[in-house]
């Protein structure tokens, strides 16, 4: 339980560090993400804070799909192998 809590807190810390950096970068313009014009003429892409997680989540999902094989298979009980 401690590892899960620690990794969850790490994710929050990483988000708090990365989100302010990526909202100033035009990373996802190929997806049609537009920035909000600021008074000084720069663009602020607030949606990048959410979009930055999509590639990481896709990689984690594929890793879990193909690599998670530690679930025990339940054997069916039949009259032949029943220890009743």
PDB file of N, CA and C in Angstrom:
ATOM      1  N   UNK A   1       0.816  -1.181   0.000  1.00  0.00           N
ATOM      2  CA  UNK A   1       0.000   0.000   0.000  1.00  0.00           C
ATOM      3  C   UNK A   1       0.869   1.258   0.000  1.00  0.00           C
ATOM      4  N   UNK A   2       2.006   1.181   0.662  1.00  0.00           N
ATOM      5  CA  UNK A   2       2.891   2.337   0.704  1.00  0.00           C
ATOM      6  C   UNK A   2       3.466   2.682  -0.654  1.00  0.00           C
ATOM      7  N   UNK A   3       3.739   1.653  -1.461  1.00  0.00           N
ATOM      8  CA  UNK A   3       4.292   1.907  -2.801  1.00  0.00           C
ATOM      9  C   UNK A   3       3.255   2.605  -3.671  1.00  0.00           C
ATOM     10  N   UNK A   4       2.009   2.151  -3.602  1.00  0.00           N
ATOM     11  CA  UNK A   4       0.960   2.795  -4.397  1.00  0.00           C
ATOM     12  C   UNK A   4       0.776   4.250  -4.002  1.00  0.00           C
ATOM     13  N   UNK A   5       0.787   4.521  -2.711  1.00  0.00           N
ATOM     14  CA  UNK A   5       0.650   5.899  -2.252  1.00  0.00           C
ATOM     15  C   UNK A   5       1.825   6.753  -2.685  1.00  0.00           C
ATOM     16  N   UNK A   6       3.020   6.188  -2.609  1.00  0.00           N
ATOM     17  CA  UNK A   6       4.213   6.934  -3.015  1.00  0.00           C
ATOM     18  C   UNK A   6       4.228   7.235  -4.497  1.00  0.00           C
ATOM     19  N   UNK A   7       3.843   6.258  -5.312  1.00  0.00           N
ATOM     20  CA  UNK A   7       3.820   6.494  -6.758  1.00  0.00           C
ATOM     21  C   UNK A   7       2.705   7.459  -7.139  1.00  0.00           C
ATOM     22  N   UNK A   8       1.601   7.423  -6.421  1.00  0.00           N
ATOM     23  CA  UNK A   8       0.532   8.387  -6.677  1.00  0.00           C
ATOM     24  C   UNK A   8       0.977   9.803  -6.372  1.00  0.00           C
ATOM     25  N   UNK A   9       1.681   9.959  -5.269  1.00  0.00           N
ATOM     26  CA  UNK A   9       2.199  11.282  -4.923  1.00  0.00           C
ATOM     27  C   UNK A   9       3.258  11.733  -5.919  1.00  0.00           C
ATOM     28  N   UNK A  10       4.039  10.807  -6.438  1.00  0.00           N
ATOM     29  CA  UNK A  10       5.042  11.149  -7.445  1.00  0.00           C
ATOM     30  C   UNK A  10       4.368  11.676  -8.708  1.00  0.00           C
ATOM     31  N   UNK A  11       3.254  11.052  -9.106  1.00  0.00           N
ATOM     32  CA  UNK A  11       2.530  11.521 -10.282  1.00  0.00           C
ATOM     33  C   UNK A  11       1.999  12.931 -10.116  1.00  0.00           C
ATOM     34  N   UNK A  12       1.521  13.243  -8.931  1.00  0.00           N
ATOM     35  CA  UNK A  12       1.031  14.599  -8.660  1.00  0.00           C
ATOM     36  C   UNK A  12       2.182  15.590  -8.734  1.00  0.00           C
ATOM     37  N   UNK A  13       3.314  15.228  -8.164  1.00  0.00           N
ATOM     38  CA  UNK A  13       4.479  16.123  -8.190  1.00  0.00           C
ATOM     39  C   UNK A  13       4.972  16.354  -9.609  1.00  0.00           C
ATOM     40  N   UNK A  14       5.018  15.287 -10.398  1.00  0.00           N
ATOM     41  CA  UNK A  14       5.462  15.423 -11.789  1.00  0.00           C
ATOM     42  C   UNK A  14       4.504  16.328 -12.554  1.00  0.00           C
ATOM     43  N   UNK A  15       3.208  16.167 -12.342  1.00  0.00           N
ATOM     44  CA  UNK A  15       2.226  17.008 -13.024  1.00  0.00           C
ATOM     45  C   UNK A  15       2.382  18.470 -12.630  1.00  0.00           C
ATOM     46  N   UNK A  16       2.640  18.720 -11.351  1.00  0.00           N
ATOM     47  CA  UNK A  16       2.792  20.099 -10.906  1.00  0.00           C
ATOM     48  C   UNK A  16       4.062  20.735 -11.461  1.00  0.00           C
ATOM     49  N   UNK A  17       5.049  19.938 -11.786  1.00  0.00           N
ATOM     50  CA  UNK A  17       6.275  20.474 -12.380  1.00  0.00           C
ATOM     51  C   UNK A  17       6.179  20.612 -13.898  1.00  0.00           C
ATOM     52  N   UNK A  18       5.533  19.646 -14.550  1.00  0.00           N
ATOM     53  CA  UNK A  18       5.519  19.613 -16.013  1.00  0.00           C
ATOM     54  C   UNK A  18       4.421  20.495 -16.606  1.00  0.00           C
ATOM     55  N   UNK A  19       3.263  20.556 -15.967  1.00  0.00           N
ATOM     56  CA  UNK A  19       2.138  21.312 -16.527  1.00  0.00           C
ATOM     57  C   UNK A  19       2.478  22.768 -16.811  1.00  0.00           C
ATOM     58  N   UNK A  20       3.123  23.492 -15.911  1.00  0.00           N
ATOM     59  CA  UNK A  20       3.452  24.885 -16.247  1.00  0.00           C
ATOM     60  C   UNK A  20       4.419  25.008 -17.419  1.00  0.00           C
ATOM     61  N   UNK A  21       5.227  23.997 -17.644  1.00  0.00           N
ATOM     62  CA  UNK A  21       6.179  24.054 -18.756  1.00  0.00           C
ATOM     63  C   UNK A  21       5.512  23.782 -20.100  1.00  0.00           C
ATOM     64  N   UNK A  22       4.625  22.790 -20.149  1.00  0.00           N
ATOM     65  CA  UNK A  22       4.053  22.392 -21.437  1.00  0.00           C
ATOM     66  C   UNK A  22       2.942  23.310 -21.920  1.00  0.00           C
ATOM     67  N   UNK A  23       2.371  24.139 -21.068  1.00  0.00           N
ATOM     68  CA  UNK A  23       1.306  25.026 -21.553  1.00  0.00           C
ATOM     69  C   UNK A  23       1.869  26.157 -22.412  1.00  0.00           C
ATOM     70  N   UNK A  24       3.167  26.359 -22.366  1.00  0.00           N
ATOM     71  CA  UNK A  24       3.784  27.396 -23.196  1.00  0.00           C
ATOM     72  C   UNK A  24       4.352  26.847 -24.500  1.00  0.00           C
ATOM     73  N   UNK A  25       4.366  25.523 -24.671  1.00  0.00           N
ATOM     74  CA  UNK A  25       4.941  24.905 -25.863  1.00  0.00           C
ATOM     75  C   UNK A  25       3.841  24.469 -26.825  1.00  0.00           C
ATOM     76  N   UNK A  26       3.999  24.723 -28.120  1.00  0.00           N
ATOM     77  CA  UNK A  26       2.992  24.284 -29.102  1.00  0.00           C
ATOM     78  C   UNK A  26       3.210  22.820 -29.492  1.00  0.00           C
ATOM     79  N   UNK A  27       3.034  21.912 -28.553  1.00  0.00           N
ATOM     80  CA  UNK A  27       3.339  20.501 -28.781  1.00  0.00           C
ATOM     81  C   UNK A  27       2.265  19.812 -29.621  1.00  0.00           C
ATOM     82  N   UNK A  28       1.009  20.047 -29.333  1.00  0.00           N
ATOM     83  CA  UNK A  28      -0.081  19.295 -29.946  1.00  0.00           C
ATOM     84  C   UNK A  28      -0.847  20.103 -30.987  1.00  0.00           C
ATOM     85  N   UNK A  29      -0.169  20.953 -31.723  1.00  0.00           N
ATOM     86  CA  UNK A  29      -0.846  21.730 -32.763  1.00  0.00           C
ATOM     87  C   UNK A  29      -1.324  20.843 -33.902  1.00  0.00           C
ATOM     88  N   UNK A  30      -0.670  19.690 -34.116  1.00  0.00           N
ATOM     89  CA  UNK A  30      -1.102  18.780 -35.187  1.00  0.00           C
ATOM     90  C   UNK A  30      -2.456  18.152 -34.870  1.00  0.00           C
ATOM     91  N   UNK A  31      -2.893  18.204 -33.623  1.00  0.00           N
ATOM     92  CA  UNK A  31      -4.216  17.705 -33.245  1.00  0.00           C
ATOM     93  C   UNK A  31      -5.287  18.790 -33.294  1.00  0.00           C
ATOM     94  N   UNK A  32      -4.897  19.987 -33.661  1.00  0.00           N
ATOM     95  CA  UNK A  32      -5.838  21.087 -33.724  1.00  0.00           C
ATOM     96  C   UNK A  32      -5.949  21.864 -32.428  1.00  0.00           C
ATOM     97  N   UNK A  33      -5.022  21.622 -31.520  1.00  0.00           N
ATOM     98  CA  UNK A  33      -5.042  22.349 -30.247  1.00  0.00           C
ATOM     99  C   UNK A  33      -4.575  23.767 -30.498  1.00  0.00           C
ATOM    100  N   UNK A  34      -5.404  24.713 -30.168  1.00  0.00           N
ATOM    101  CA  UNK A  34      -5.070  26.121 -30.346  1.00  0.00           C
ATOM    102  C   UNK A  34      -4.781  26.730 -28.982  1.00  0.00           C
ATOM    103  N   UNK A  35      -3.914  27.690 -28.979  1.00  0.00           N
ATOM    104  CA  UNK A  35      -3.613  28.387 -27.738  1.00  0.00           C
ATOM    105  C   UNK A  35      -4.546  29.563 -27.525  1.00  0.00           C
ATOM    106  N   UNK A  36      -4.602  30.011 -26.295  1.00  0.00           N
ATOM    107  CA  UNK A  36      -5.387  31.191 -25.940  1.00  0.00           C
ATOM    108  C   UNK A  36      -4.471  32.401 -26.060  1.00  0.00           C
ATOM    109  N   UNK A  37      -4.819  33.377 -26.901  1.00  0.00           N
ATOM    110  CA  UNK A  37      -3.947  34.546 -27.057  1.00  0.00           C
ATOM    111  C   UNK A  37      -3.843  35.344 -25.752  1.00  0.00           C
ATOM    112  N   UNK A  38      -2.643  35.729 -25.432  1.00  0.00           N
ATOM    113  CA  UNK A  38      -2.369  36.530 -24.238  1.00  0.00           C
ATOM    114  C   UNK A  38      -2.174  37.991 -24.639  1.00  0.00           C
ATOM    115  N   UNK A  39      -2.288  38.922 -23.707  1.00  0.00           N
ATOM    116  CA  UNK A  39      -2.128  40.346 -24.038  1.00  0.00           C
ATOM    117  C   UNK A  39      -0.768  40.684 -24.653  1.00  0.00           C
ATOM    118  N   UNK A  40       0.264  39.918 -24.330  1.00  0.00           N
ATOM    119  CA  UNK A  40       1.584  40.209 -24.898  1.00  0.00           C
ATOM    120  C   UNK A  40       1.787  39.573 -26.270  1.00  0.00           C
ATOM    121  N   UNK A  41       0.776  38.881 -26.796  1.00  0.00           N
ATOM    122  CA  UNK A  41       0.860  38.281 -28.118  1.00  0.00           C
ATOM    123  C   UNK A  41       1.225  36.807 -28.111  1.00  0.00           C
ATOM    124  N   UNK A  42       1.635  36.267 -26.991  1.00  0.00           N
ATOM    125  CA  UNK A  42       1.980  34.845 -26.923  1.00  0.00           C
ATOM    126  C   UNK A  42       0.712  34.002 -26.803  1.00  0.00           C
ATOM    127  N   UNK A  43       0.859  32.711 -27.046  1.00  0.00           N
ATOM    128  CA  UNK A  43      -0.258  31.781 -26.931  1.00  0.00           C
ATOM    129  C   UNK A  43      -0.054  30.903 -25.706  1.00  0.00           C
ATOM    130  N   UNK A  44      -1.133  30.620 -25.016  1.00  0.00           N
ATOM    131  CA  UNK A  44      -1.102  29.774 -23.835  1.00  0.00           C
ATOM    132  C   UNK A  44      -2.000  28.573 -24.110  1.00  0.00           C
ATOM    133  N   UNK A  45      -1.408  27.409 -24.290  1.00  0.00           N
ATOM    134  CA  UNK A  45      -2.164  26.196 -24.611  1.00  0.00           C
ATOM    135  C   UNK A  45      -2.442  25.421 -23.327  1.00  0.00           C
ATOM    136  N   UNK A  46      -3.511  25.760 -22.650  1.00  0.00           N
ATOM    137  CA  UNK A  46      -3.843  25.119 -21.378  1.00  0.00           C
ATOM    138  C   UNK A  46      -4.187  23.646 -21.542  1.00  0.00           C
ATOM    139  N   UNK A  47      -4.708  23.267 -22.700  1.00  0.00           N
ATOM    140  CA  UNK A  47      -5.081  21.866 -22.907  1.00  0.00           C
ATOM    141  C   UNK A  47      -3.869  20.951 -23.002  1.00  0.00           C
ATOM    142  N   UNK A  48      -2.693  21.508 -23.232  1.00  0.00           N
ATOM    143  CA  UNK A  48      -1.489  20.674 -23.262  1.00  0.00           C
ATOM    144  C   UNK A  48      -1.242  19.996 -21.926  1.00  0.00           C
ATOM    145  N   UNK A  49      -1.688  20.602 -20.833  1.00  0.00           N
ATOM    146  CA  UNK A  49      -1.503  19.998 -19.516  1.00  0.00           C
ATOM    147  C   UNK A  49      -2.212  18.647 -19.427  1.00  0.00           C
ATOM    148  N   UNK A  50      -3.320  18.491 -20.142  1.00  0.00           N
ATOM    149  CA  UNK A  50      -4.017  17.205 -20.167  1.00  0.00           C
ATOM    150  C   UNK A  50      -3.497  16.310 -21.285  1.00  0.00           C
ATOM    151  N   UNK A  51      -3.238  16.884 -22.462  1.00  0.00           N
ATOM    152  CA  UNK A  51      -2.795  16.094 -23.611  1.00  0.00           C
ATOM    153  C   UNK A  51      -1.420  15.466 -23.404  1.00  0.00           C
ATOM    154  N   UNK A  52      -0.599  16.021 -22.535  1.00  0.00           N
ATOM    155  CA  UNK A  52       0.740  15.481 -22.331  1.00  0.00           C
ATOM    156  C   UNK A  52       0.691  14.072 -21.744  1.00  0.00           C
ATOM    157  N   UNK A  53      -0.417  13.727 -21.092  1.00  0.00           N
ATOM    158  CA  UNK A  53      -0.536  12.409 -20.474  1.00  0.00           C
ATOM    159  C   UNK A  53      -0.999  11.335 -21.450  1.00  0.00           C
ATOM    160  N   UNK A  54      -1.582  11.695 -22.577  1.00  0.00           N
ATOM    161  CA  UNK A  54      -2.147  10.708 -23.501  1.00  0.00           C
ATOM    162  C   UNK A  54      -1.090   9.734 -24.031  1.00  0.00           C
ATOM    163  N   UNK A  55       0.070  10.179 -24.526  1.00  0.00           N
ATOM    164  CA  UNK A  55       1.068   9.201 -24.984  1.00  0.00           C
ATOM    165  C   UNK A  55       1.577   8.308 -23.854  1.00  0.00           C
ATOM    166  N   UNK A  56       1.753   8.865 -22.671  1.00  0.00           N
ATOM    167  CA  UNK A  56       2.226   8.062 -21.544  1.00  0.00           C
ATOM    168  C   UNK A  56       1.189   7.020 -21.130  1.00  0.00           C
ATOM    169  N   UNK A  57      -0.078   7.407 -21.138  1.00  0.00           N
ATOM    170  CA  UNK A  57      -1.138   6.461 -20.800  1.00  0.00           C
ATOM    171  C   UNK A  57      -1.284   5.377 -21.862  1.00  0.00           C
ATOM    172  N   UNK A  58      -1.076   5.726 -23.123  1.00  0.00           N
ATOM    173  CA  UNK A  58      -1.146   4.726 -24.191  1.00  0.00           C
ATOM    174  C   UNK A  58      -0.040   3.687 -24.027  1.00  0.00           C
ATOM    175  N   UNK A  59       1.158   4.134 -23.717  1.00  0.00           N
ATOM    176  CA  UNK A  59       2.274   3.203 -23.502  1.00  0.00           C
ATOM    177  C   UNK A  59       2.000   2.320 -22.287  1.00  0.00           C
ATOM    178  N   UNK A  60       1.514   2.903 -21.202  1.00  0.00           N
ATOM    179  CA  UNK A  60       1.220   2.124 -19.997  1.00  0.00           C
ATOM    180  C   UNK A  60       0.094   1.122 -20.241  1.00  0.00           C
ATOM    181  N   UNK A  61      -0.905   1.513 -21.030  1.00  0.00           N
ATOM    182  CA  UNK A  61      -2.006   0.608 -21.341  1.00  0.00           C
ATOM    183  C   UNK A  61      -1.528  -0.573 -22.168  1.00  0.00           C
ATOM    184  N   UNK A  62      -0.710  -0.313 -23.176  1.00  0.00           N
ATOM    185  CA  UNK A  62      -0.178  -1.408 -23.990  1.00  0.00           C
ATOM    186  C   UNK A  62       0.734  -2.319 -23.179  1.00  0.00           C
ATOM    187  N   UNK A  63       1.539  -1.742 -22.303  1.00  0.00           N
ATOM    188  CA  UNK A  63       2.411  -2.557 -21.454  1.00  0.00           C
ATOM    189  C   UNK A  63       1.591  -3.448 -20.529  1.00  0.00           C
ATOM    190  N   UNK A  64       0.503  -2.916 -19.978  1.00  0.00           N
ATOM    191  CA  UNK A  64      -0.351  -3.717 -19.110  1.00  0.00           C
ATOM    192  C   UNK A  64      -1.087  -4.793 -19.905  1.00  0.00           C
ATOM    193  N   UNK A  65      -1.525  -4.456 -21.107  1.00  0.00           N
ATOM    194  CA  UNK A  65      -2.274  -5.415 -21.931  1.00  0.00           C
ATOM    195  C   UNK A  65      -1.411  -6.609 -22.320  1.00  0.00           C
ATOM    196  N   UNK A  66      -0.197  -6.335 -22.757  1.00  0.00           N
ATOM    197  CA  UNK A  66       0.656  -7.414 -23.241  1.00  0.00           C
ATOM    198  C   UNK A  66       1.537  -8.024 -22.151  1.00  0.00           C
ATOM    199  N   UNK A  67       1.783  -7.326 -21.075  1.00  0.00           N
ATOM    200  CA  UNK A  67       2.707  -7.826 -20.080  1.00  0.00           C
ATOM    201  C   UNK A  67       2.077  -8.358 -18.814  1.00  0.00           C
ATOM    202  N   UNK A  68       0.785  -8.161 -18.638  1.00  0.00           N
ATOM    203  CA  UNK A  68       0.151  -8.597 -17.401  1.00  0.00           C
ATOM    204  C   UNK A  68      -0.351 -10.024 -17.565  1.00  0.00           C
ATOM    205  N   UNK A  69       0.491 -10.966 -17.212  1.00  0.00           N
ATOM    206  CA  UNK A  69       0.120 -12.374 -17.358  1.00  0.00           C
ATOM    207  C   UNK A  69       0.270 -13.118 -16.043  1.00  0.00           C
ATOM    208  N   UNK A  70       0.190 -12.425 -14.930  1.00  0.00           N
ATOM    209  CA  UNK A  70       0.382 -13.069 -13.642  1.00  0.00           C
ATOM    210  C   UNK A  70      -0.929 -13.430 -12.942  1.00  0.00           C
ATOM    211  N   UNK A  71      -2.029 -13.380 -13.655  1.00  0.00           N
ATOM    212  CA  UNK A  71      -3.313 -13.738 -13.067  1.00  0.00           C
ATOM    213  C   UNK A  71      -3.463 -15.253 -13.146  1.00  0.00           C
ATOM    214  N   UNK A  72      -3.675 -15.866 -12.004  1.00  0.00           N
ATOM    215  CA  UNK A  72      -3.798 -17.320 -11.960  1.00  0.00           C
ATOM    216  C   UNK A  72      -5.075 -17.763 -12.664  1.00  0.00           C
ATOM    217  N   UNK A  73      -4.964 -18.824 -13.407  1.00  0.00           N
ATOM    218  CA  UNK A  73      -6.114 -19.382 -14.106  1.00  0.00           C
ATOM    219  C   UNK A  73      -6.800 -20.358 -13.161  1.00  0.00           C
ATOM    220  N   UNK A  74      -8.084 -20.192 -13.007  1.00  0.00           N
ATOM    221  CA  UNK A  74      -8.834 -21.075 -12.128  1.00  0.00           C
ATOM    222  C   UNK A  74      -9.108 -22.383 -12.851  1.00  0.00           C
ATOM    223  N   UNK A  75      -8.798 -23.482 -12.195  1.00  0.00           N
ATOM    224  CA  UNK A  75      -9.060 -24.794 -12.786  1.00  0.00           C
ATOM    225  C   UNK A  75     -10.502 -25.189 -12.504  1.00  0.00           C
ATOM    226  N   UNK A  76     -11.098 -25.793 -13.491  1.00  0.00           N
ATOM    227  CA  UNK A  76     -12.464 -26.274 -13.313  1.00  0.00           C
ATOM    228  C   UNK A  76     -12.429 -27.573 -12.529  1.00  0.00           C
ATOM    229  N   UNK A  77     -13.307 -27.662 -11.571  1.00  0.00           N
ATOM    230  CA  UNK A  77     -13.402 -28.898 -10.802  1.00  0.00           C
ATOM    231  C   UNK A  77     -14.333 -29.859 -11.519  1.00  0.00           C
ATOM    232  N   UNK A  78     -13.836 -31.037 -11.703  1.00  0.00           N
ATOM    233  CA  UNK A  78     -14.665 -32.081 -12.289  1.00  0.00           C
ATOM    234  C   UNK A  78     -14.695 -33.239 -11.294  1.00  0.00           C
ATOM    235  N   UNK A  79     -15.588 -34.161 -11.466  1.00  0.00           N
ATOM    236  CA  UNK A  79     -15.639 -35.295 -10.525  1.00  0.00           C
ATOM    237  C   UNK A  79     -14.324 -36.075 -10.478  1.00  0.00           C
ATOM    238  N   UNK A  80     -13.534 -36.049 -11.545  1.00  0.00           N
ATOM    239  CA  UNK A  80     -12.277 -36.800 -11.559  1.00  0.00           C
ATOM    240  C   UNK A  80     -11.206 -36.159 -10.685  1.00  0.00           C
ATOM    241  N   UNK A  81     -11.122 -34.824 -10.663  1.00  0.00           N
ATOM    242  CA  UNK A  81     -10.055 -34.186  -9.901  1.00  0.00           C
ATOM    243  C   UNK A  81     -10.558 -33.506  -8.629  1.00  0.00           C
ATOM    244  N   UNK A  82     -11.751 -33.834  -8.202  1.00  0.00           N
ATOM    245  CA  UNK A  82     -12.305 -33.245  -6.986  1.00  0.00           C
ATOM    246  C   UNK A  82     -11.793 -34.010  -5.772  1.00  0.00           C
ATOM    247  N   UNK A  83     -11.334 -33.276  -4.776  1.00  0.00           N
ATOM    248  CA  UNK A  83     -10.863 -33.906  -3.538  1.00  0.00           C
ATOM    249  C   UNK A  83     -11.963 -33.828  -2.479  1.00  0.00           C
ATOM    250  N   UNK A  84     -13.118 -34.276  -2.824  1.00  0.00           N
ATOM    251  CA  UNK A  84     -14.260 -34.173  -1.915  1.00  0.00           C
ATOM    252  C   UNK A  84     -14.362 -35.387  -1.026  1.00  0.00           C
TER     253      UNK A  84
END
